[in-house]
Amino acid sequence: MHESIQYDPVAIHKLAKRQYRRSVFVLAFYPAIGALGCSFAGYEIAGYEIGGRLAAVIGAAIGAFLGYLYGSLRSMRLRIQAQSALCLERIEENTRTE
């Protein structure tokens, strides 16, 4: 290993904290973006047939639901990455010879 690269458990904890913060952000961000995007799409696609507001509300509901589904999967992936980093840090801590 290169001499300037050292094991730093603080960096691993910072990474894990960041991943957890991102997992919470993703759960709020993806449904909002899905609702916004699909409300415009619903308005454009079905706005003339069933009314603009109704189409936008239906599109927003569908988009928020799909955004939540995708966001929850992404959030779980980020939390698993954080737990993997903490697990590797604990393994290093337990197996290190001093």
Protein backbone atom coordinates (compact mmCIF):
# COMPACT_ATOMS: atom_id res chain seq x y z
CA MET A 1 0.00 0.00 0.00
CA HIS A 2 1.17 3.51 -0.69
CA GLU A 3 2.70 5.12 2.39
CA SER A 4 0.58 8.28 2.24
CA ILE A 5 -2.68 6.31 2.32
CA GLN A 6 -3.70 5.46 5.85
CA TYR A 7 -6.74 3.78 7.32
CA ASP A 8 -9.13 6.42 8.68
CA PRO A 9 -12.27 5.25 10.55
CA VAL A 10 -13.54 8.84 10.77
CA ALA A 11 -13.78 9.00 6.99
CA ILE A 12 -15.85 5.82 6.96
CA HIS A 13 -18.24 7.23 9.55
CA LYS A 14 -18.57 10.45 7.53
CA LEU A 15 -19.36 8.38 4.43
CA ALA A 16 -22.01 6.40 6.32
CA LYS A 17 -23.62 9.59 7.69
CA ARG A 18 -23.70 11.11 4.23
CA GLN A 19 -25.30 7.99 2.78
CA TYR A 20 -27.99 8.03 5.48
CA ARG A 21 -28.71 11.74 4.85
CA ARG A 22 -28.98 11.06 1.13
CA SER A 23 -31.38 8.16 1.79
CA VAL A 24 -33.75 10.51 3.64
CA PHE A 25 -33.44 13.18 0.94
CA VAL A 26 -34.21 10.65 -1.79
CA LEU A 27 -37.46 9.65 -0.08
CA ALA A 28 -38.68 13.25 -0.29
CA PHE A 29 -37.13 14.27 -3.60
CA TYR A 30 -38.19 11.46 -5.94
CA PRO A 31 -41.95 11.62 -5.18
CA ALA A 32 -41.90 15.41 -5.56
CA ILE A 33 -40.16 15.23 -8.93
CA GLY A 34 -42.46 12.39 -10.04
CA ALA A 35 -45.55 14.35 -9.05
CA LEU A 36 -44.35 17.48 -10.82
CA GLY A 37 -43.35 15.71 -14.01
CA CYS A 38 -46.38 13.49 -14.28
CA SER A 39 -48.80 16.31 -13.51
CA PHE A 40 -47.52 18.16 -16.57
CA ALA A 41 -47.64 14.96 -18.61
CA GLY A 42 -51.17 14.18 -17.44
CA TYR A 43 -52.31 17.68 -18.29
CA GLU A 44 -50.83 17.49 -21.79
CA ILE A 45 -52.00 13.96 -22.57
CA ALA A 46 -55.50 13.84 -21.08
CA GLY A 47 -56.20 17.48 -20.29
CA TYR A 48 -58.57 18.00 -23.19
CA GLU A 49 -60.59 14.86 -22.58
CA ILE A 50 -61.22 14.88 -18.82
CA GLY A 51 -60.31 18.42 -17.84
CA GLY A 52 -56.97 20.01 -17.21
CA ARG A 53 -57.03 20.11 -13.42
CA LEU A 54 -58.32 16.59 -12.99
CA ALA A 55 -55.72 15.23 -15.40
CA ALA A 56 -52.97 17.12 -13.58
CA VAL A 57 -54.10 15.80 -10.19
CA ILE A 58 -54.33 12.22 -11.44
CA GLY A 59 -50.91 12.54 -13.10
CA ALA A 60 -49.42 14.01 -9.92
CA ALA A 61 -50.80 11.16 -7.81
CA ILE A 62 -49.46 8.53 -10.18
CA GLY A 63 -46.09 10.29 -10.43
CA ALA A 64 -45.77 10.66 -6.66
CA PHE A 65 -46.55 6.97 -6.18
CA LEU A 66 -44.03 5.87 -8.80
CA GLY A 67 -41.46 8.32 -7.42
CA TYR A 68 -41.98 6.92 -3.93
CA LEU A 69 -41.50 3.36 -5.17
CA TYR A 70 -38.29 4.22 -6.97
CA GLY A 71 -37.12 6.47 -4.14
CA SER A 72 -37.66 3.79 -1.52
CA LEU A 73 -35.56 1.34 -3.53
CA ARG A 74 -32.83 3.93 -3.97
CA SER A 75 -33.00 4.83 -0.28
CA MET A 76 -32.64 1.19 0.73
CA ARG A 77 -29.61 0.84 -1.55
CA LEU A 78 -27.97 3.87 0.07
CA ARG A 79 -28.63 2.55 3.58
CA ILE A 80 -27.17 -0.84 2.65
CA GLN A 81 -24.04 0.88 1.32
CA ALA A 82 -23.72 2.78 4.60
CA GLN A 83 -24.12 -0.40 6.62
CA SER A 84 -21.55 -2.18 4.45
CA ALA A 85 -19.03 0.59 5.06
CA LEU A 86 -19.65 0.42 8.81
CA CYS A 87 -19.34 -3.36 8.74
CA LEU A 88 -16.01 -3.16 6.91
CA GLU A 89 -14.83 -0.56 9.42
CA ARG A 90 -15.76 -2.89 12.29
CA ILE A 91 -13.99 -5.83 10.64
CA GLU A 92 -10.87 -3.72 10.25
CA GLU A 93 -11.11 -2.64 13.88
CA ASN A 94 -11.47 -6.20 15.15
CA THR A 95 -8.75 -7.75 13.00
CA ARG A 96 -6.11 -5.02 13.23
CA THR A 97 -2.95 -6.03 15.04
CA GLU A 98 -1.40 -3.25 17.05
